[in-house]
């Protein structure tokens, strides 16, 4: 994906779905994020420690 397309997607959203799996058990969390176009390789996530997966 070109950086301009990435900037358009990330610039128009404030949440992202973050999916993981441990022992084939999926876990999905919706988290807030911050992205700065001047450091495109870094995406910062925010979440609550005891939040439940969906």
PDB file of N, CA and C in Angstrom:
ATOM      1  N   UNK A   1       0.850  -1.171   0.000  1.00  0.00           N
ATOM      2  CA  UNK A   1       0.000   0.000   0.000  1.00  0.00           C
ATOM      3  C   UNK A   1       0.898   1.237   0.000  1.00  0.00           C
ATOM      4  N   UNK A   2       0.627   2.161  -0.867  1.00  0.00           N
ATOM      5  CA  UNK A   2       1.405   3.391  -0.930  1.00  0.00           C
ATOM      6  C   UNK A   2       1.179   4.210   0.339  1.00  0.00           C
ATOM      7  N   UNK A   3       2.174   4.978   0.719  1.00  0.00           N
ATOM      8  CA  UNK A   3       2.067   5.787   1.934  1.00  0.00           C
ATOM      9  C   UNK A   3       0.894   6.751   1.858  1.00  0.00           C
ATOM     10  N   UNK A   4       0.593   7.287   0.687  1.00  0.00           N
ATOM     11  CA  UNK A   4      -0.536   8.209   0.575  1.00  0.00           C
ATOM     12  C   UNK A   4      -1.850   7.503   0.877  1.00  0.00           C
ATOM     13  N   UNK A   5      -2.010   6.268   0.433  1.00  0.00           N
ATOM     14  CA  UNK A   5      -3.218   5.505   0.739  1.00  0.00           C
ATOM     15  C   UNK A   5      -3.284   5.179   2.229  1.00  0.00           C
ATOM     16  N   UNK A   6      -2.147   4.830   2.815  1.00  0.00           N
ATOM     17  CA  UNK A   6      -2.094   4.561   4.248  1.00  0.00           C
ATOM     18  C   UNK A   6      -2.457   5.816   5.036  1.00  0.00           C
ATOM     19  N   UNK A   7      -1.925   6.943   4.647  1.00  0.00           N
ATOM     20  CA  UNK A   7      -2.223   8.203   5.325  1.00  0.00           C
ATOM     21  C   UNK A   7      -3.705   8.522   5.230  1.00  0.00           C
ATOM     22  N   UNK A   8      -4.322   8.239   4.106  1.00  0.00           N
ATOM     23  CA  UNK A   8      -5.754   8.503   3.940  1.00  0.00           C
ATOM     24  C   UNK A   8      -6.573   7.601   4.859  1.00  0.00           C
ATOM     25  N   UNK A   9      -6.225   6.340   4.946  1.00  0.00           N
ATOM     26  CA  UNK A   9      -6.962   5.404   5.805  1.00  0.00           C
ATOM     27  C   UNK A   9      -6.779   5.762   7.275  1.00  0.00           C
ATOM     28  N   UNK A  10      -5.531   5.931   7.704  1.00  0.00           N
ATOM     29  CA  UNK A  10      -5.262   6.209   9.110  1.00  0.00           C
ATOM     30  C   UNK A  10      -5.713   7.604   9.517  1.00  0.00           C
ATOM     31  N   UNK A  11      -5.685   8.545   8.590  1.00  0.00           N
ATOM     32  CA  UNK A  11      -6.124   9.896   8.885  1.00  0.00           C
ATOM     33  C   UNK A  11      -7.624  10.013   9.048  1.00  0.00           C
ATOM     34  N   UNK A  12      -8.365   9.043   8.539  1.00  0.00           N
ATOM     35  CA  UNK A  12      -9.824   9.096   8.614  1.00  0.00           C
ATOM     36  C   UNK A  12     -10.424   8.191   9.669  1.00  0.00           C
ATOM     37  N   UNK A  13      -9.606   7.637  10.543  1.00  0.00           N
ATOM     38  CA  UNK A  13     -10.106   6.711  11.566  1.00  0.00           C
ATOM     39  C   UNK A  13      -9.488   7.055  12.914  1.00  0.00           C
ATOM     40  N   UNK A  14     -10.164   6.629  13.981  1.00  0.00           N
ATOM     41  CA  UNK A  14      -9.593   6.812  15.317  1.00  0.00           C
ATOM     42  C   UNK A  14      -9.560   5.507  16.097  1.00  0.00           C
ATOM     43  N   UNK A  15     -10.046   4.428  15.477  1.00  0.00           N
ATOM     44  CA  UNK A  15     -10.022   3.111  16.111  1.00  0.00           C
ATOM     45  C   UNK A  15      -9.573   2.079  15.088  1.00  0.00           C
ATOM     46  N   UNK A  16      -9.005   0.994  15.594  1.00  0.00           N
ATOM     47  CA  UNK A  16      -8.579  -0.094  14.729  1.00  0.00           C
ATOM     48  C   UNK A  16      -8.894  -1.407  15.445  1.00  0.00           C
ATOM     49  N   UNK A  17      -9.197  -2.440  14.670  1.00  0.00           N
ATOM     50  CA  UNK A  17      -9.401  -3.774  15.231  1.00  0.00           C
ATOM     51  C   UNK A  17      -8.046  -4.461  15.291  1.00  0.00           C
ATOM     52  N   UNK A  18      -7.674  -4.916  16.478  1.00  0.00           N
ATOM     53  CA  UNK A  18      -6.374  -5.549  16.720  1.00  0.00           C
ATOM     54  C   UNK A  18      -6.645  -7.011  17.054  1.00  0.00           C
ATOM     55  N   UNK A  19      -6.233  -7.925  16.197  1.00  0.00           N
ATOM     56  CA  UNK A  19      -6.532  -9.339  16.369  1.00  0.00           C
ATOM     57  C   UNK A  19      -5.267 -10.134  16.676  1.00  0.00           C
ATOM     58  N   UNK A  20      -5.391 -11.054  17.643  1.00  0.00           N
ATOM     59  CA  UNK A  20      -4.313 -11.971  17.986  1.00  0.00           C
ATOM     60  C   UNK A  20      -4.910 -13.362  18.151  1.00  0.00           C
ATOM     61  N   UNK A  21      -4.055 -14.350  18.301  1.00  0.00           N
ATOM     62  CA  UNK A  21      -4.515 -15.718  18.560  1.00  0.00           C
ATOM     63  C   UNK A  21      -3.459 -16.429  19.400  1.00  0.00           C
ATOM     64  N   UNK A  22      -3.920 -17.100  20.456  1.00  0.00           N
ATOM     65  CA  UNK A  22      -3.047 -17.924  21.289  1.00  0.00           C
ATOM     66  C   UNK A  22      -3.662 -19.310  21.355  1.00  0.00           C
ATOM     67  N   UNK A  23      -2.887 -20.315  21.004  1.00  0.00           N
ATOM     68  CA  UNK A  23      -3.375 -21.703  20.967  1.00  0.00           C
ATOM     69  C   UNK A  23      -4.643 -21.830  20.131  1.00  0.00           C
ATOM     70  N   UNK A  24      -4.656 -21.154  18.984  1.00  0.00           N
ATOM     71  CA  UNK A  24      -5.786 -21.172  18.046  1.00  0.00           C
ATOM     72  C   UNK A  24      -7.076 -20.605  18.629  1.00  0.00           C
ATOM     73  N   UNK A  25      -6.979 -19.784  19.680  1.00  0.00           N
ATOM     74  CA  UNK A  25      -8.141 -19.099  20.250  1.00  0.00           C
ATOM     75  C   UNK A  25      -8.024 -17.625  19.850  1.00  0.00           C
ATOM     76  N   UNK A  26      -8.927 -17.169  18.971  1.00  0.00           N
ATOM     77  CA  UNK A  26      -8.831 -15.793  18.503  1.00  0.00           C
ATOM     78  C   UNK A  26      -9.241 -14.783  19.578  1.00  0.00           C
ATOM     79  N   UNK A  27      -8.659 -13.608  19.498  1.00  0.00           N
ATOM     80  CA  UNK A  27      -8.964 -12.526  20.424  1.00  0.00           C
ATOM     81  C   UNK A  27      -8.943 -11.238  19.606  1.00  0.00           C
ATOM     82  N   UNK A  28     -10.026 -10.491  19.659  1.00  0.00           N
ATOM     83  CA  UNK A  28     -10.136  -9.253  18.904  1.00  0.00           C
ATOM     84  C   UNK A  28     -10.453  -8.117  19.848  1.00  0.00           C
ATOM     85  N   UNK A  29      -9.708  -7.040  19.733  1.00  0.00           N
ATOM     86  CA  UNK A  29      -9.954  -5.840  20.535  1.00  0.00           C
ATOM     87  C   UNK A  29     -10.064  -4.645  19.601  1.00  0.00           C
ATOM     88  N   UNK A  30     -10.988  -3.769  19.924  1.00  0.00           N
ATOM     89  CA  UNK A  30     -11.106  -2.499  19.222  1.00  0.00           C
ATOM     90  C   UNK A  30     -10.366  -1.478  20.077  1.00  0.00           C
ATOM     91  N   UNK A  31      -9.337  -0.860  19.530  1.00  0.00           N
ATOM     92  CA  UNK A  31      -8.499   0.051  20.319  1.00  0.00           C
ATOM     93  C   UNK A  31      -8.365   1.400  19.618  1.00  0.00           C
ATOM     94  N   UNK A  32      -8.134   2.421  20.416  1.00  0.00           N
ATOM     95  CA  UNK A  32      -7.810   3.741  19.891  1.00  0.00           C
ATOM     96  C   UNK A  32      -6.368   3.712  19.407  1.00  0.00           C
ATOM     97  N   UNK A  33      -6.055   4.556  18.438  1.00  0.00           N
ATOM     98  CA  UNK A  33      -4.679   4.628  17.980  1.00  0.00           C
ATOM     99  C   UNK A  33      -4.335   6.049  17.573  1.00  0.00           C
ATOM    100  N   UNK A  34      -3.046   6.302  17.518  1.00  0.00           N
ATOM    101  CA  UNK A  34      -2.519   7.574  17.033  1.00  0.00           C
ATOM    102  C   UNK A  34      -1.441   7.257  16.010  1.00  0.00           C
ATOM    103  N   UNK A  35      -1.496   7.945  14.893  1.00  0.00           N
ATOM    104  CA  UNK A  35      -0.493   7.786  13.847  1.00  0.00           C
ATOM    105  C   UNK A  35      -0.045   9.165  13.404  1.00  0.00           C
ATOM    106  N   UNK A  36       1.254   9.353  13.272  1.00  0.00           N
ATOM    107  CA  UNK A  36       1.838  10.616  12.846  1.00  0.00           C
ATOM    108  C   UNK A  36       2.542  10.388  11.510  1.00  0.00           C
ATOM    109  N   UNK A  37       2.149  11.122  10.499  1.00  0.00           N
ATOM    110  CA  UNK A  37       2.703  10.929   9.155  1.00  0.00           C
ATOM    111  C   UNK A  37       4.210  11.189   9.104  1.00  0.00           C
ATOM    112  N   UNK A  38       4.747  11.926  10.063  1.00  0.00           N
ATOM    113  CA  UNK A  38       6.191  12.179  10.049  1.00  0.00           C
ATOM    114  C   UNK A  38       6.994  10.964  10.509  1.00  0.00           C
ATOM    115  N   UNK A  39       6.337  10.015  11.184  1.00  0.00           N
ATOM    116  CA  UNK A  39       6.972   8.752  11.580  1.00  0.00           C
ATOM    117  C   UNK A  39       6.056   7.608  11.138  1.00  0.00           C
ATOM    118  N   UNK A  40       5.977   7.342   9.833  1.00  0.00           N
ATOM    119  CA  UNK A  40       4.983   6.406   9.303  1.00  0.00           C
ATOM    120  C   UNK A  40       5.156   4.954   9.741  1.00  0.00           C
ATOM    121  N   UNK A  41       6.309   4.579  10.282  1.00  0.00           N
ATOM    122  CA  UNK A  41       6.525   3.188  10.700  1.00  0.00           C
ATOM    123  C   UNK A  41       6.031   2.925  12.118  1.00  0.00           C
ATOM    124  N   UNK A  42       5.490   3.941  12.797  1.00  0.00           N
ATOM    125  CA  UNK A  42       5.062   3.787  14.190  1.00  0.00           C
ATOM    126  C   UNK A  42       3.570   4.046  14.305  1.00  0.00           C
ATOM    127  N   UNK A  43       2.871   3.126  14.942  1.00  0.00           N
ATOM    128  CA  UNK A  43       1.444   3.253  15.232  1.00  0.00           C
ATOM    129  C   UNK A  43       1.282   3.017  16.724  1.00  0.00           C
ATOM    130  N   UNK A  44       0.761   4.009  17.445  1.00  0.00           N
ATOM    131  CA  UNK A  44       0.593   3.904  18.896  1.00  0.00           C
ATOM    132  C   UNK A  44      -0.822   3.434  19.211  1.00  0.00           C
ATOM    133  N   UNK A  45      -0.935   2.442  20.120  1.00  0.00           N
ATOM    134  CA  UNK A  45      -2.226   1.908  20.532  1.00  0.00           C
ATOM    135  C   UNK A  45      -2.533   2.304  21.962  1.00  0.00           C
ATOM    136  N   UNK A  46      -3.810   2.467  22.258  1.00  0.00           N
ATOM    137  CA  UNK A  46      -4.261   2.712  23.628  1.00  0.00           C
ATOM    138  C   UNK A  46      -5.356   1.706  23.950  1.00  0.00           C
ATOM    139  N   UNK A  47      -5.284   1.122  25.128  1.00  0.00           N
ATOM    140  CA  UNK A  47      -6.278   0.147  25.541  1.00  0.00           C
ATOM    141  C   UNK A  47      -6.371   0.150  27.060  1.00  0.00           C
ATOM    142  N   UNK A  48      -7.445  -0.421  27.560  1.00  0.00           N
ATOM    143  CA  UNK A  48      -7.636  -0.553  28.994  1.00  0.00           C
ATOM    144  C   UNK A  48      -7.149  -1.943  29.406  1.00  0.00           C
ATOM    145  N   UNK A  49      -6.413  -2.016  30.477  1.00  0.00           N
ATOM    146  CA  UNK A  49      -5.777  -3.265  30.892  1.00  0.00           C
ATOM    147  C   UNK A  49      -6.760  -4.430  31.005  1.00  0.00           C
ATOM    148  N   UNK A  50      -7.904  -4.225  31.625  1.00  0.00           N
ATOM    149  CA  UNK A  50      -8.830  -5.346  31.872  1.00  0.00           C
ATOM    150  C   UNK A  50     -10.001  -5.380  30.894  1.00  0.00           C
ATOM    151  N   UNK A  51      -9.832  -4.785  29.703  1.00  0.00           N
ATOM    152  CA  UNK A  51     -10.921  -4.805  28.729  1.00  0.00           C
ATOM    153  C   UNK A  51     -11.123  -6.223  28.183  1.00  0.00           C
ATOM    154  N   UNK A  52     -12.351  -6.541  27.905  1.00  0.00           N
ATOM    155  CA  UNK A  52     -12.696  -7.867  27.382  1.00  0.00           C
ATOM    156  C   UNK A  52     -12.520  -7.902  25.870  1.00  0.00           C
ATOM    157  N   UNK A  53     -12.044  -9.003  25.353  1.00  0.00           N
ATOM    158  CA  UNK A  53     -11.985  -9.199  23.910  1.00  0.00           C
ATOM    159  C   UNK A  53     -13.393  -9.413  23.379  1.00  0.00           C
ATOM    160  N   UNK A  54     -13.580  -9.206  22.095  1.00  0.00           N
ATOM    161  CA  UNK A  54     -14.897  -9.423  21.477  1.00  0.00           C
ATOM    162  C   UNK A  54     -14.820 -10.556  20.490  1.00  0.00           C
TER     163      UNK A  54
END
